[in-house]
Structures are given as structure tokens and as C-alpha cells.
Amino acid sequence: MSASAGPPSAGGEDGVPKEAEVAEGIRAAILRGELAPNQRLVEAELCEQYGASRFSVRVALRDLAGQGLIELQRNRGARIREITLDEAIEISQVRMVVEGLVAARAAELATDDDAAELEQIGRDMREAVGSGEPLRYSELNARLHSKVREIARHVTAERIIEELRGQMVRHQFRLALRPGRSSVSLGQHERIIAGIVSRDPAESESAMRAHIASVIEALREGT
């Protein structure tokens, strides 16, 4: 049966459509690095893993293909899409613009509690660098960017960034483990925090764009 035929699937937990539940499960596994580039996704195994129908799994895979996270190959099924270095650089260029906008908006909307949380994340990041903990620093990095997006409350930008982040996860992980990278990016993140805390949209945007420009340069240096 084709994916376009058949009735809608029954809802999953909390009334979430089963296909959405499957798609989010696979997407989360990609973000955690549990699924490697070019790894095959077998429909029968996904049906069993998520307790879903083949129809729901196919809809989920189509959705993930639309997000650029997997490839659907004729007569060969689905596999995790491998993002080339050139694509990673292009994705980062788009992120630079969108996340710059988000940082500027966060500076306009940040409350005193938001500012205090950002400053604490910054202190934790500095501590992680000082104690030589790149994985902890990477987690704090993700937390900082997530908090900035939360403060900004820009739904469209959030959706775009989340989609791009899923495609970049493997390159970001490698970059995070590169010797000295944490020390380089620490000052950049502290500048972003300072711009938002001081409620300066122009400085916040400039700091965010400079940070992601540095990411792009680091990706190019890795070739």
C-alpha cells in the first residue's frame, strides 16, 4: 500500500498522532547521535519499536525527508542523510542570519530573571572550560542557545533553527571536541550574554553573528 493510501493512524500518547510521535522519536535519536549518517531505517523495525502501523511510519519518514534529515531511496527504503561540509557551511550561514535576529529580539524581551539565568550559564561555561570538560561545555552551549530562543519567543525562527540544528548535529559534535575550540568560543558566548543582559539588540545581534561566523571559519579549517 502506498503512503498516500489508507486511513489516518490512531493517536499516540496524549493524543499526539502516531506518525508525529515516530518522527519525533527518530529526530531525537539523530540529535543524540544514536543514528549514524547513511544508516538504514527499516520500516518493520520502526513499526515494532514505536508500536506504529506501516502507514504511520511511512508518513513519519516522509516528514523527516522534508526536513532534510533522511533520504528516501527508490526500492531501497530510508537512510540517515549525510550532510557534507559544504552543506554544513551553508546551513551555518543561514543560522547566522536567523540566530542574529533571535538574539536581537531576546535583548528586547529579556526579563531580570532571564538575564540572571544567562549569566549563570556563562559562569558555568567558563568553569567547564577551566576544568577541561568539553562535553559539559557543549551541553551548556546548547542550553545557552536554547534559552536565547526561549526568551525571543519567535515561533518561525525557532522552527527554522530546530530544523537546521538537526542537520548539523554531527558536525557540531566534532567541532565541540576539537582541542581549544571551547576556549575560543567562550568569549564569543560571553559577549552574546552581555549584549542581551544590557538590553542592547544591535550588540546582541552582532555578537551572535560573529560567533556563528567563527563556527563557519572553524568548519572550513577542518577540511
N, C-alpha and C. Protein backbone atom coordinates (compact mmCIF):
# COMPACT_ATOMS: atom_id res chain seq x y z
N MET A 1 0.85 -1.19 0.00
CA MET A 1 0.00 0.00 0.00
C MET A 1 0.88 1.24 0.00
N SER A 2 0.53 2.24 -0.80
CA SER A 2 1.33 3.46 -0.84
C SER A 2 1.07 4.28 0.39
N ALA A 3 2.02 5.19 0.70
CA ALA A 3 1.89 6.02 1.90
C ALA A 3 0.74 6.99 1.80
N SER A 4 0.25 7.26 0.57
CA SER A 4 -0.84 8.21 0.41
C SER A 4 -2.19 7.55 0.61
N ALA A 5 -2.20 6.20 0.66
CA ALA A 5 -3.45 5.49 0.81
C ALA A 5 -3.62 5.07 2.25
N GLY A 6 -4.87 4.82 2.65
CA GLY A 6 -5.10 4.29 3.98
C GLY A 6 -5.61 5.36 4.91
N PRO A 7 -6.24 4.95 6.00
CA PRO A 7 -6.83 5.90 6.94
C PRO A 7 -5.79 6.53 7.82
N PRO A 8 -6.09 7.66 8.44
CA PRO A 8 -5.17 8.27 9.39
C PRO A 8 -4.94 7.32 10.55
N SER A 9 -3.75 7.39 11.14
CA SER A 9 -3.42 6.49 12.23
C SER A 9 -4.06 6.96 13.52
N ALA A 10 -4.16 6.02 14.46
CA ALA A 10 -4.67 6.36 15.78
C ALA A 10 -3.66 7.22 16.51
N GLY A 11 -4.14 8.01 17.43
CA GLY A 11 -3.24 8.86 18.18
C GLY A 11 -2.36 8.08 19.11
N GLY A 12 -1.20 8.67 19.43
CA GLY A 12 -0.27 8.05 20.38
C GLY A 12 -0.51 8.61 21.77
N GLU A 13 0.58 8.76 22.51
CA GLU A 13 0.46 9.27 23.87
C GLU A 13 -0.06 10.71 23.84
N ASP A 14 -0.95 11.02 24.81
CA ASP A 14 -1.51 12.37 24.95
C ASP A 14 -2.22 12.84 23.69
N GLY A 15 -2.72 11.90 22.88
CA GLY A 15 -3.45 12.28 21.69
C GLY A 15 -2.59 12.73 20.53
N VAL A 16 -1.26 12.63 20.65
CA VAL A 16 -0.36 13.02 19.56
C VAL A 16 -0.48 11.99 18.44
N PRO A 17 -0.68 12.43 17.17
CA PRO A 17 -0.76 11.46 16.08
C PRO A 17 0.46 10.55 16.06
N LYS A 18 0.23 9.28 15.77
CA LYS A 18 1.31 8.30 15.85
C LYS A 18 2.47 8.65 14.92
N GLU A 19 2.16 9.16 13.72
CA GLU A 19 3.24 9.50 12.80
C GLU A 19 4.13 10.61 13.37
N ALA A 20 3.52 11.57 14.08
CA ALA A 20 4.30 12.64 14.70
C ALA A 20 5.17 12.09 15.82
N GLU A 21 4.64 11.14 16.55
CA GLU A 21 5.39 10.51 17.64
C GLU A 21 6.60 9.76 17.09
N VAL A 22 6.41 9.04 15.99
CA VAL A 22 7.51 8.30 15.36
C VAL A 22 8.56 9.27 14.83
N ALA A 23 8.11 10.31 14.13
CA ALA A 23 9.05 11.28 13.55
C ALA A 23 9.88 11.94 14.64
N GLU A 24 9.24 12.32 15.75
CA GLU A 24 9.97 12.98 16.84
C GLU A 24 10.94 12.02 17.50
N GLY A 25 10.57 10.74 17.62
CA GLY A 25 11.47 9.75 18.20
C GLY A 25 12.73 9.58 17.36
N ILE A 26 12.56 9.49 16.05
CA ILE A 26 13.72 9.33 15.16
C ILE A 26 14.56 10.60 15.17
N ARG A 27 13.90 11.74 15.12
CA ARG A 27 14.62 13.02 15.12
C ARG A 27 15.45 13.17 16.39
N ALA A 28 14.87 12.81 17.53
CA ALA A 28 15.60 12.91 18.80
C ALA A 28 16.81 11.99 18.81
N ALA A 29 16.67 10.80 18.21
CA ALA A 29 17.79 9.87 18.15
C ALA A 29 18.91 10.42 17.28
N ILE A 30 18.54 11.12 16.21
CA ILE A 30 19.56 11.75 15.35
C ILE A 30 20.29 12.84 16.13
N LEU A 31 19.54 13.67 16.87
CA LEU A 31 20.14 14.76 17.64
C LEU A 31 21.06 14.23 18.75
N ARG A 32 20.73 13.06 19.29
CA ARG A 32 21.57 12.46 20.33
C ARG A 32 22.77 11.72 19.74
N GLY A 33 22.84 11.65 18.43
CA GLY A 33 23.95 10.96 17.78
C GLY A 33 23.83 9.45 17.80
N GLU A 34 22.62 8.93 18.04
CA GLU A 34 22.43 7.49 18.12
C GLU A 34 22.27 6.85 16.74
N LEU A 35 21.97 7.66 15.75
CA LEU A 35 21.81 7.16 14.38
C LEU A 35 22.89 7.81 13.52
N ALA A 36 23.67 7.00 12.85
CA ALA A 36 24.82 7.49 12.09
C ALA A 36 24.43 7.84 10.66
N PRO A 37 25.18 8.75 10.01
CA PRO A 37 24.93 9.04 8.61
C PRO A 37 24.98 7.77 7.77
N ASN A 38 24.05 7.67 6.84
CA ASN A 38 23.91 6.55 5.91
C ASN A 38 23.33 5.29 6.56
N GLN A 39 23.02 5.34 7.84
CA GLN A 39 22.40 4.18 8.50
C GLN A 39 20.99 3.97 7.96
N ARG A 40 20.66 2.72 7.63
CA ARG A 40 19.34 2.41 7.09
C ARG A 40 18.30 2.40 8.19
N LEU A 41 17.10 2.83 7.83
CA LEU A 41 15.94 2.78 8.71
C LEU A 41 14.97 1.75 8.13
N VAL A 42 14.76 0.68 8.85
CA VAL A 42 13.93 -0.43 8.37
C VAL A 42 12.50 -0.25 8.88
N GLU A 43 11.56 -0.18 7.97
CA GLU A 43 10.18 0.09 8.35
C GLU A 43 9.65 -0.90 9.38
N ALA A 44 9.90 -2.19 9.17
CA ALA A 44 9.38 -3.21 10.08
C ALA A 44 9.93 -3.00 11.50
N GLU A 45 11.21 -2.65 11.60
CA GLU A 45 11.81 -2.42 12.91
C GLU A 45 11.23 -1.18 13.59
N LEU A 46 10.97 -0.14 12.79
CA LEU A 46 10.38 1.08 13.34
C LEU A 46 8.95 0.84 13.80
N CYS A 47 8.20 0.04 13.04
CA CYS A 47 6.84 -0.30 13.44
C CYS A 47 6.84 -0.97 14.81
N GLU A 48 7.77 -1.90 15.00
CA GLU A 48 7.85 -2.63 16.27
C GLU A 48 8.33 -1.70 17.40
N GLN A 49 9.35 -0.89 17.11
CA GLN A 49 9.92 -0.02 18.14
C GLN A 49 8.90 0.98 18.67
N TYR A 50 8.09 1.56 17.77
CA TYR A 50 7.17 2.62 18.17
C TYR A 50 5.72 2.15 18.29
N GLY A 51 5.49 0.85 18.05
CA GLY A 51 4.12 0.35 18.13
C GLY A 51 3.21 1.04 17.14
N ALA A 52 3.74 1.28 15.94
CA ALA A 52 3.02 2.06 14.93
C ALA A 52 2.73 1.22 13.70
N SER A 53 1.75 1.65 12.94
CA SER A 53 1.43 0.98 11.68
C SER A 53 2.46 1.35 10.62
N ARG A 54 2.51 0.56 9.56
CA ARG A 54 3.42 0.88 8.46
C ARG A 54 3.03 2.22 7.82
N PHE A 55 1.74 2.50 7.78
CA PHE A 55 1.29 3.79 7.24
C PHE A 55 1.88 4.94 8.05
N SER A 56 1.79 4.86 9.39
CA SER A 56 2.31 5.93 10.25
C SER A 56 3.81 6.10 10.08
N VAL A 57 4.53 4.99 9.98
CA VAL A 57 5.99 5.05 9.81
C VAL A 57 6.34 5.71 8.49
N ARG A 58 5.61 5.38 7.44
CA ARG A 58 5.91 5.98 6.13
C ARG A 58 5.63 7.48 6.12
N VAL A 59 4.56 7.89 6.79
CA VAL A 59 4.26 9.32 6.88
C VAL A 59 5.37 10.03 7.66
N ALA A 60 5.80 9.41 8.75
CA ALA A 60 6.88 10.00 9.56
C ALA A 60 8.17 10.13 8.76
N LEU A 61 8.51 9.11 7.99
CA LEU A 61 9.73 9.15 7.19
C LEU A 61 9.64 10.22 6.10
N ARG A 62 8.46 10.37 5.52
CA ARG A 62 8.29 11.43 4.52
C ARG A 62 8.50 12.80 5.15
N ASP A 63 7.98 12.98 6.36
CA ASP A 63 8.13 14.25 7.07
C ASP A 63 9.61 14.53 7.36
N LEU A 64 10.33 13.53 7.82
CA LEU A 64 11.75 13.69 8.12
C LEU A 64 12.57 13.95 6.86
N ALA A 65 12.16 13.35 5.75
CA ALA A 65 12.84 13.62 4.48
C ALA A 65 12.64 15.08 4.09
N GLY A 66 11.44 15.61 4.34
CA GLY A 66 11.16 17.01 4.05
C GLY A 66 12.01 17.95 4.89
N GLN A 67 12.41 17.49 6.08
CA GLN A 67 13.27 18.30 6.95
C GLN A 67 14.75 18.14 6.61
N GLY A 68 15.06 17.28 5.65
CA GLY A 68 16.45 17.09 5.26
C GLY A 68 17.23 16.17 6.17
N LEU A 69 16.54 15.42 7.04
CA LEU A 69 17.24 14.56 7.99
C LEU A 69 17.46 13.15 7.46
N ILE A 70 16.60 12.69 6.57
CA ILE A 70 16.77 11.35 5.99
C ILE A 70 16.59 11.44 4.48
N GLU A 71 17.00 10.35 3.82
CA GLU A 71 16.80 10.24 2.38
C GLU A 71 15.90 9.05 2.11
N LEU A 72 14.95 9.22 1.22
CA LEU A 72 14.11 8.11 0.78
C LEU A 72 14.61 7.65 -0.58
N GLN A 73 15.07 6.41 -0.65
CA GLN A 73 15.67 5.88 -1.87
C GLN A 73 14.73 4.87 -2.52
N ARG A 74 14.49 5.04 -3.77
CA ARG A 74 13.58 4.16 -4.51
C ARG A 74 14.05 2.71 -4.41
N ASN A 75 13.16 1.86 -3.98
CA ASN A 75 13.41 0.41 -3.84
C ASN A 75 14.48 0.07 -2.79
N ARG A 76 14.94 1.06 -2.04
CA ARG A 76 15.96 0.79 -1.03
C ARG A 76 15.57 1.30 0.35
N GLY A 77 14.43 1.94 0.45
CA GLY A 77 13.96 2.41 1.75
C GLY A 77 14.58 3.73 2.16
N ALA A 78 14.74 3.93 3.47
CA ALA A 78 15.21 5.20 4.01
C ALA A 78 16.55 5.04 4.71
N ARG A 79 17.31 6.11 4.72
CA ARG A 79 18.57 6.12 5.46
C ARG A 79 18.82 7.52 6.01
N ILE A 80 19.65 7.60 7.04
CA ILE A 80 20.01 8.89 7.62
C ILE A 80 20.86 9.65 6.60
N ARG A 81 20.49 10.89 6.33
CA ARG A 81 21.20 11.66 5.31
C ARG A 81 22.53 12.17 5.86
N GLU A 82 23.57 12.03 5.06
CA GLU A 82 24.88 12.57 5.44
C GLU A 82 25.01 13.99 4.91
N ILE A 83 25.29 14.91 5.82
CA ILE A 83 25.43 16.33 5.45
C ILE A 83 26.89 16.60 5.13
N THR A 84 27.16 17.06 3.91
CA THR A 84 28.54 17.35 3.52
C THR A 84 29.04 18.61 4.23
N LEU A 85 30.34 18.82 4.19
CA LEU A 85 30.92 20.01 4.80
C LEU A 85 30.40 21.27 4.12
N ASP A 86 30.28 21.24 2.79
CA ASP A 86 29.76 22.42 2.09
C ASP A 86 28.34 22.75 2.53
N GLU A 87 27.52 21.70 2.71
CA GLU A 87 26.16 21.92 3.19
C GLU A 87 26.17 22.48 4.61
N ALA A 88 27.06 21.95 5.45
CA ALA A 88 27.15 22.41 6.84
C ALA A 88 27.50 23.90 6.89
N ILE A 89 28.37 24.33 5.99
CA ILE A 89 28.74 25.75 5.94
C ILE A 89 27.55 26.59 5.50
N GLU A 90 26.82 26.12 4.48
CA GLU A 90 25.64 26.85 4.01
C GLU A 90 24.58 26.94 5.11
N ILE A 91 24.38 25.84 5.82
CA ILE A 91 23.41 25.84 6.93
C ILE A 91 23.82 26.85 7.99
N SER A 92 25.10 26.90 8.30
CA SER A 92 25.59 27.84 9.31
C SER A 92 25.42 29.28 8.85
N GLN A 93 25.56 29.53 7.56
CA GLN A 93 25.35 30.88 7.04
C GLN A 93 23.90 31.33 7.23
N VAL A 94 22.97 30.40 7.04
CA VAL A 94 21.56 30.72 7.29
C VAL A 94 21.33 30.93 8.79
N ARG A 95 21.92 30.06 9.61
CA ARG A 95 21.81 30.20 11.07
C ARG A 95 22.32 31.56 11.53
N MET A 96 23.39 32.03 10.92
CA MET A 96 23.99 33.30 11.33
C MET A 96 22.96 34.44 11.24
N VAL A 97 22.19 34.43 10.17
CA VAL A 97 21.18 35.48 9.99
C VAL A 97 20.02 35.30 10.96
N VAL A 98 19.49 34.07 11.01
CA VAL A 98 18.29 33.83 11.82
C VAL A 98 18.59 33.96 13.31
N GLU A 99 19.71 33.39 13.76
CA GLU A 99 20.03 33.47 15.18
C GLU A 99 20.45 34.88 15.59
N GLY A 100 20.97 35.64 14.64
CA GLY A 100 21.25 37.05 14.93
C GLY A 100 19.96 37.80 15.23
N LEU A 101 18.95 37.55 14.41
CA LEU A 101 17.64 38.16 14.63
C LEU A 101 17.08 37.75 15.99
N VAL A 102 17.22 36.47 16.33
CA VAL A 102 16.70 35.96 17.60
C VAL A 102 17.41 36.63 18.78
N ALA A 103 18.71 36.78 18.69
CA ALA A 103 19.47 37.42 19.77
C ALA A 103 19.02 38.86 19.98
N ALA A 104 18.79 39.57 18.88
CA ALA A 104 18.33 40.96 18.98
C ALA A 104 16.98 41.03 19.67
N ARG A 105 16.10 40.12 19.30
CA ARG A 105 14.76 40.10 19.91
C ARG A 105 14.85 39.72 21.39
N ALA A 106 15.75 38.79 21.71
CA ALA A 106 15.92 38.39 23.11
C ALA A 106 16.36 39.58 23.95
N ALA A 107 17.21 40.42 23.40
CA ALA A 107 17.67 41.61 24.13
C ALA A 107 16.51 42.56 24.41
N GLU A 108 15.53 42.59 23.53
CA GLU A 108 14.37 43.47 23.71
C GLU A 108 13.40 42.91 24.76
N LEU A 109 13.34 41.57 24.89
CA LEU A 109 12.30 40.95 25.70
C LEU A 109 12.80 40.35 27.02
N ALA A 110 14.10 40.30 27.23
CA ALA A 110 14.65 39.62 28.40
C ALA A 110 14.19 40.28 29.70
N THR A 111 13.78 39.44 30.66
CA THR A 111 13.44 39.91 32.00
C THR A 111 14.70 39.83 32.87
N ASP A 112 14.59 40.35 34.08
CA ASP A 112 15.72 40.26 35.02
C ASP A 112 16.04 38.80 35.33
N ASP A 113 15.01 37.96 35.46
CA ASP A 113 15.23 36.54 35.72
C ASP A 113 15.94 35.88 34.54
N ASP A 114 15.55 36.25 33.32
CA ASP A 114 16.21 35.72 32.13
C ASP A 114 17.69 36.10 32.14
N ALA A 115 17.96 37.36 32.44
CA ALA A 115 19.34 37.85 32.46
C ALA A 115 20.16 37.10 33.49
N ALA A 116 19.59 36.86 34.65
CA ALA A 116 20.31 36.14 35.70
C ALA A 116 20.62 34.71 35.27
N GLU A 117 19.67 34.06 34.57
CA GLU A 117 19.90 32.69 34.12
C GLU A 117 20.99 32.65 33.05
N LEU A 118 20.98 33.61 32.14
CA LEU A 118 22.02 33.68 31.11
C LEU A 118 23.39 33.87 31.74
N GLU A 119 23.47 34.74 32.72
CA GLU A 119 24.76 34.99 33.38
C GLU A 119 25.25 33.74 34.11
N GLN A 120 24.33 32.98 34.69
CA GLN A 120 24.73 31.74 35.36
C GLN A 120 25.25 30.72 34.36
N ILE A 121 24.58 30.62 33.21
CA ILE A 121 25.07 29.72 32.16
C ILE A 121 26.47 30.13 31.74
N GLY A 122 26.69 31.43 31.61
CA GLY A 122 28.02 31.93 31.24
C GLY A 122 29.07 31.54 32.26
N ARG A 123 28.75 31.65 33.55
CA ARG A 123 29.70 31.25 34.59
C ARG A 123 29.97 29.75 34.54
N ASP A 124 28.92 28.97 34.29
CA ASP A 124 29.09 27.52 34.19
C ASP A 124 29.97 27.15 32.98
N MET A 125 29.81 27.87 31.88
CA MET A 125 30.62 27.62 30.69
C MET A 125 32.09 27.91 30.98
N ARG A 126 32.35 29.02 31.65
CA ARG A 126 33.73 29.37 31.99
C ARG A 126 34.34 28.30 32.91
N GLU A 127 33.55 27.81 33.84
CA GLU A 127 34.02 26.76 34.74
C GLU A 127 34.32 25.48 33.98
N ALA A 128 33.47 25.14 33.00
CA ALA A 128 33.69 23.92 32.20
C ALA A 128 34.97 24.02 31.39
N VAL A 129 35.24 25.21 30.84
CA VAL A 129 36.49 25.41 30.09
C VAL A 129 37.68 25.28 31.03
N GLY A 130 37.58 25.90 32.20
CA GLY A 130 38.69 25.86 33.15
C GLY A 130 39.00 24.46 33.65
N SER A 131 37.99 23.62 33.74
CA SER A 131 38.20 22.25 34.24
C SER A 131 38.38 21.24 33.11
N GLY A 132 38.44 21.74 31.85
CA GLY A 132 38.70 20.85 30.72
C GLY A 132 37.59 19.84 30.48
N GLU A 133 36.35 20.32 30.43
CA GLU A 133 35.20 19.44 30.22
C GLU A 133 34.47 19.84 28.92
N PRO A 134 34.97 19.42 27.76
CA PRO A 134 34.37 19.85 26.50
C PRO A 134 32.93 19.37 26.30
N LEU A 135 32.60 18.17 26.78
CA LEU A 135 31.23 17.69 26.61
C LEU A 135 30.25 18.51 27.45
N ARG A 136 30.65 18.82 28.69
CA ARG A 136 29.79 19.68 29.52
C ARG A 136 29.66 21.05 28.89
N TYR A 137 30.75 21.57 28.36
CA TYR A 137 30.70 22.88 27.70
C TYR A 137 29.74 22.82 26.52
N SER A 138 29.78 21.73 25.75
CA SER A 138 28.90 21.58 24.60
C SER A 138 27.44 21.57 25.03
N GLU A 139 27.15 20.89 26.13
CA GLU A 139 25.78 20.86 26.65
C GLU A 139 25.33 22.25 27.08
N LEU A 140 26.23 22.98 27.74
CA LEU A 140 25.90 24.35 28.16
C LEU A 140 25.73 25.28 26.96
N ASN A 141 26.52 25.05 25.94
CA ASN A 141 26.41 25.80 24.69
C ASN A 141 24.99 25.65 24.13
N ALA A 142 24.53 24.38 24.04
CA ALA A 142 23.18 24.12 23.53
C ALA A 142 22.13 24.76 24.43
N ARG A 143 22.36 24.70 25.74
CA ARG A 143 21.42 25.29 26.69
C ARG A 143 21.34 26.80 26.53
N LEU A 144 22.48 27.44 26.31
CA LEU A 144 22.50 28.89 26.11
C LEU A 144 21.70 29.29 24.88
N HIS A 145 21.98 28.64 23.75
CA HIS A 145 21.27 28.98 22.52
C HIS A 145 19.78 28.72 22.67
N SER A 146 19.42 27.63 23.36
CA SER A 146 18.02 27.32 23.59
C SER A 146 17.35 28.39 24.45
N LYS A 147 18.06 28.86 25.47
CA LYS A 147 17.50 29.90 26.34
C LYS A 147 17.29 31.20 25.58
N VAL A 148 18.23 31.55 24.72
CA VAL A 148 18.08 32.77 23.92
C VAL A 148 16.83 32.66 23.04
N ARG A 149 16.63 31.50 22.44
CA ARG A 149 15.43 31.30 21.61
C ARG A 149 14.16 31.37 22.46
N GLU A 150 14.24 30.80 23.66
CA GLU A 150 13.08 30.83 24.56
C GLU A 150 12.71 32.27 24.92
N ILE A 151 13.71 33.07 25.21
CA ILE A 151 13.46 34.48 25.56
C ILE A 151 12.84 35.22 24.38
N ALA A 152 13.35 34.95 23.18
CA ALA A 152 12.91 35.68 21.99
C ALA A 152 11.47 35.38 21.61
N ARG A 153 11.03 34.16 21.85
CA ARG A 153 9.65 33.75 21.55
C ARG A 153 9.27 34.05 20.10
N HIS A 154 10.17 33.68 19.18
CA HIS A 154 9.93 33.87 17.75
C HIS A 154 9.66 32.49 17.15
N VAL A 155 8.39 32.17 16.96
CA VAL A 155 7.99 30.81 16.60
C VAL A 155 8.60 30.37 15.27
N THR A 156 8.57 31.22 14.28
CA THR A 156 9.08 30.84 12.97
C THR A 156 10.58 30.62 13.01
N ALA A 157 11.31 31.52 13.66
CA ALA A 157 12.76 31.36 13.78
C ALA A 157 13.10 30.09 14.55
N GLU A 158 12.34 29.80 15.61
CA GLU A 158 12.56 28.59 16.39
C GLU A 158 12.43 27.35 15.52
N ARG A 159 11.40 27.31 14.68
CA ARG A 159 11.19 26.15 13.81
C ARG A 159 12.34 26.00 12.82
N ILE A 160 12.77 27.11 12.23
CA ILE A 160 13.86 27.05 11.25
C ILE A 160 15.14 26.57 11.91
N ILE A 161 15.46 27.13 13.08
CA ILE A 161 16.71 26.78 13.76
C ILE A 161 16.71 25.32 14.18
N GLU A 162 15.58 24.83 14.69
CA GLU A 162 15.50 23.43 15.11
C GLU A 162 15.72 22.49 13.94
N GLU A 163 15.15 22.84 12.79
CA GLU A 163 15.33 22.01 11.60
C GLU A 163 16.78 22.01 11.15
N LEU A 164 17.40 23.17 11.15
CA LEU A 164 18.81 23.27 10.74
C LEU A 164 19.72 22.56 11.74
N ARG A 165 19.39 22.66 13.02
CA ARG A 165 20.21 22.03 14.06
C ARG A 165 20.25 20.53 13.88
N GLY A 166 19.12 19.94 13.50
CA GLY A 166 19.08 18.50 13.29
C GLY A 166 20.04 18.07 12.19
N GLN A 167 20.18 18.88 11.16
CA GLN A 167 21.07 18.54 10.05
C GLN A 167 22.54 18.73 10.41
N MET A 168 22.81 19.60 11.38
CA MET A 168 24.19 19.96 11.73
C MET A 168 24.79 19.15 12.86
N VAL A 169 24.00 18.26 13.50
CA VAL A 169 24.40 17.70 14.78
C VAL A 169 25.76 17.03 14.75
N ARG A 170 26.06 16.26 13.70
CA ARG A 170 27.33 15.52 13.69
C ARG A 170 28.52 16.47 13.52
N HIS A 171 28.38 17.48 12.67
CA HIS A 171 29.46 18.45 12.50
C HIS A 171 29.68 19.25 13.79
N GLN A 172 28.58 19.59 14.48
CA GLN A 172 28.71 20.34 15.72
C GLN A 172 29.40 19.53 16.80
N PHE A 173 29.10 18.23 16.84
CA PHE A 173 29.72 17.37 17.84
C PHE A 173 31.23 17.28 17.62
N ARG A 174 31.63 17.10 16.37
CA ARG A 174 33.06 17.03 16.06
C ARG A 174 33.75 18.35 16.39
N LEU A 175 33.08 19.44 16.09
CA LEU A 175 33.66 20.76 16.36
C LEU A 175 33.82 20.98 17.86
N ALA A 176 32.83 20.53 18.62
CA ALA A 176 32.88 20.72 20.07
C ALA A 176 34.06 20.00 20.70
N LEU A 177 34.47 18.87 20.11
CA LEU A 177 35.56 18.08 20.67
C LEU A 177 36.93 18.50 20.15
N ARG A 178 36.97 19.48 19.23
CA ARG A 178 38.25 19.92 18.69
C ARG A 178 39.04 20.64 19.78
N PRO A 179 40.29 20.26 19.99
CA PRO A 179 41.10 20.89 21.05
C PRO A 179 41.14 22.41 20.91
N GLY A 180 40.86 23.10 22.02
CA GLY A 180 40.92 24.55 22.06
C GLY A 180 39.67 25.27 21.58
N ARG A 181 38.73 24.54 21.00
CA ARG A 181 37.54 25.20 20.45
C ARG A 181 36.71 25.86 21.55
N SER A 182 36.57 25.19 22.68
CA SER A 182 35.77 25.75 23.78
C SER A 182 36.33 27.09 24.25
N SER A 183 37.64 27.16 24.36
CA SER A 183 38.27 28.40 24.81
C SER A 183 38.03 29.54 23.83
N VAL A 184 38.03 29.20 22.53
CA VAL A 184 37.80 30.22 21.50
C VAL A 184 36.38 30.75 21.58
N SER A 185 35.42 29.84 21.73
CA SER A 185 34.01 30.26 21.67
C SER A 185 33.51 30.85 22.99
N LEU A 186 34.21 30.62 24.10
CA LEU A 186 33.75 31.12 25.39
C LEU A 186 33.54 32.63 25.37
N GLY A 187 34.55 33.36 24.93
CA GLY A 187 34.45 34.82 24.89
C GLY A 187 33.32 35.28 23.98
N GLN A 188 33.10 34.54 22.90
CA GLN A 188 32.02 34.89 21.98
C GLN A 188 30.66 34.73 22.66
N HIS A 189 30.51 33.65 23.41
CA HIS A 189 29.25 33.43 24.12
C HIS A 189 29.06 34.46 25.23
N GLU A 190 30.14 34.80 25.90
CA GLU A 190 30.03 35.81 26.96
C GLU A 190 29.62 37.17 26.38
N ARG A 191 30.09 37.47 25.17
CA ARG A 191 29.69 38.72 24.53
C ARG A 191 28.20 38.70 24.19
N ILE A 192 27.69 37.56 23.72
CA ILE A 192 26.25 37.43 23.44
C ILE A 192 25.45 37.67 24.71
N ILE A 193 25.87 37.02 25.78
CA ILE A 193 25.18 37.17 27.07
C ILE A 193 25.19 38.63 27.51
N ALA A 194 26.35 39.27 27.43
CA ALA A 194 26.46 40.66 27.86
C ALA A 194 25.54 41.57 27.05
N GLY A 195 25.43 41.32 25.75
CA GLY A 195 24.57 42.15 24.91
C GLY A 195 23.10 42.02 25.31
N ILE A 196 22.67 40.78 25.58
CA ILE A 196 21.27 40.57 25.96
C ILE A 196 21.00 41.14 27.35
N VAL A 197 21.92 40.89 28.28
CA VAL A 197 21.75 41.37 29.66
C VAL A 197 21.67 42.90 29.69
N SER A 198 22.45 43.56 28.82
CA SER A 198 22.43 45.03 28.79
C SER A 198 21.29 45.57 27.94
N ARG A 199 20.45 44.65 27.40
CA ARG A 199 19.27 45.00 26.59
C ARG A 199 19.67 45.81 25.35
N ASP A 200 20.73 45.36 24.69
CA ASP A 200 21.26 46.06 23.50
C ASP A 200 21.04 45.16 22.28
N PRO A 201 19.95 45.35 21.53
CA PRO A 201 19.65 44.47 20.40
C PRO A 201 20.74 44.45 19.33
N ALA A 202 21.29 45.62 18.99
CA ALA A 202 22.30 45.69 17.93
C ALA A 202 23.56 44.93 18.33
N GLU A 203 24.00 45.11 19.56
CA GLU A 203 25.20 44.41 20.03
C GLU A 203 24.94 42.91 20.13
N SER A 204 23.76 42.52 20.58
CA SER A 204 23.43 41.10 20.71
C SER A 204 23.44 40.42 19.34
N GLU A 205 22.84 41.07 18.36
CA GLU A 205 22.83 40.51 17.01
C GLU A 205 24.25 40.42 16.45
N SER A 206 25.03 41.47 16.63
CA SER A 206 26.40 41.49 16.14
C SER A 206 27.22 40.37 16.79
N ALA A 207 27.04 40.20 18.10
CA ALA A 207 27.80 39.17 18.83
C ALA A 207 27.42 37.78 18.35
N MET A 208 26.13 37.54 18.13
CA MET A 208 25.69 36.22 17.66
C MET A 208 26.20 35.94 16.25
N ARG A 209 26.13 36.93 15.38
CA ARG A 209 26.61 36.73 14.01
C ARG A 209 28.12 36.48 14.00
N ALA A 210 28.86 37.20 14.86
CA ALA A 210 30.31 36.99 14.93
C ALA A 210 30.63 35.58 15.43
N HIS A 211 29.84 35.11 16.38
CA HIS A 211 30.06 33.76 16.90
C HIS A 211 29.86 32.71 15.82
N ILE A 212 28.76 32.81 15.07
CA ILE A 212 28.49 31.79 14.05
C ILE A 212 29.44 31.95 12.86
N ALA A 213 29.91 33.16 12.60
CA ALA A 213 30.95 33.33 11.57
C ALA A 213 32.21 32.58 11.98
N SER A 214 32.50 32.57 13.27
CA SER A 214 33.64 31.82 13.78
C SER A 214 33.44 30.32 13.60
N VAL A 215 32.20 29.86 13.80
CA VAL A 215 31.88 28.45 13.57
C VAL A 215 32.15 28.08 12.11
N ILE A 216 31.71 28.95 11.21
CA ILE A 216 31.91 28.70 9.78
C ILE A 216 33.42 28.61 9.46
N GLU A 217 34.19 29.52 10.01
CA GLU A 217 35.64 29.51 9.78
C GLU A 217 36.25 28.22 10.32
N ALA A 218 35.78 27.79 11.49
CA ALA A 218 36.31 26.55 12.09
C ALA A 218 35.96 25.35 11.23
N LEU A 219 34.76 25.34 10.66
CA LEU A 219 34.37 24.23 9.77
C LEU A 219 35.28 24.21 8.55
N ARG A 220 35.58 25.37 7.98
CA ARG A 220 36.44 25.45 6.80
C ARG A 220 37.86 24.98 7.15
N GLU A 221 38.32 25.31 8.33
CA GLU A 221 39.66 24.91 8.73
C GLU A 221 39.77 23.41 8.92
N GLY A 222 38.64 22.76 9.11
CA GLY A 222 38.64 21.32 9.32
C GLY A 222 38.73 20.51 8.05
N THR A 223 38.73 21.19 6.89
CA THR A 223 38.81 20.47 5.63
C THR A 223 40.21 19.95 5.38
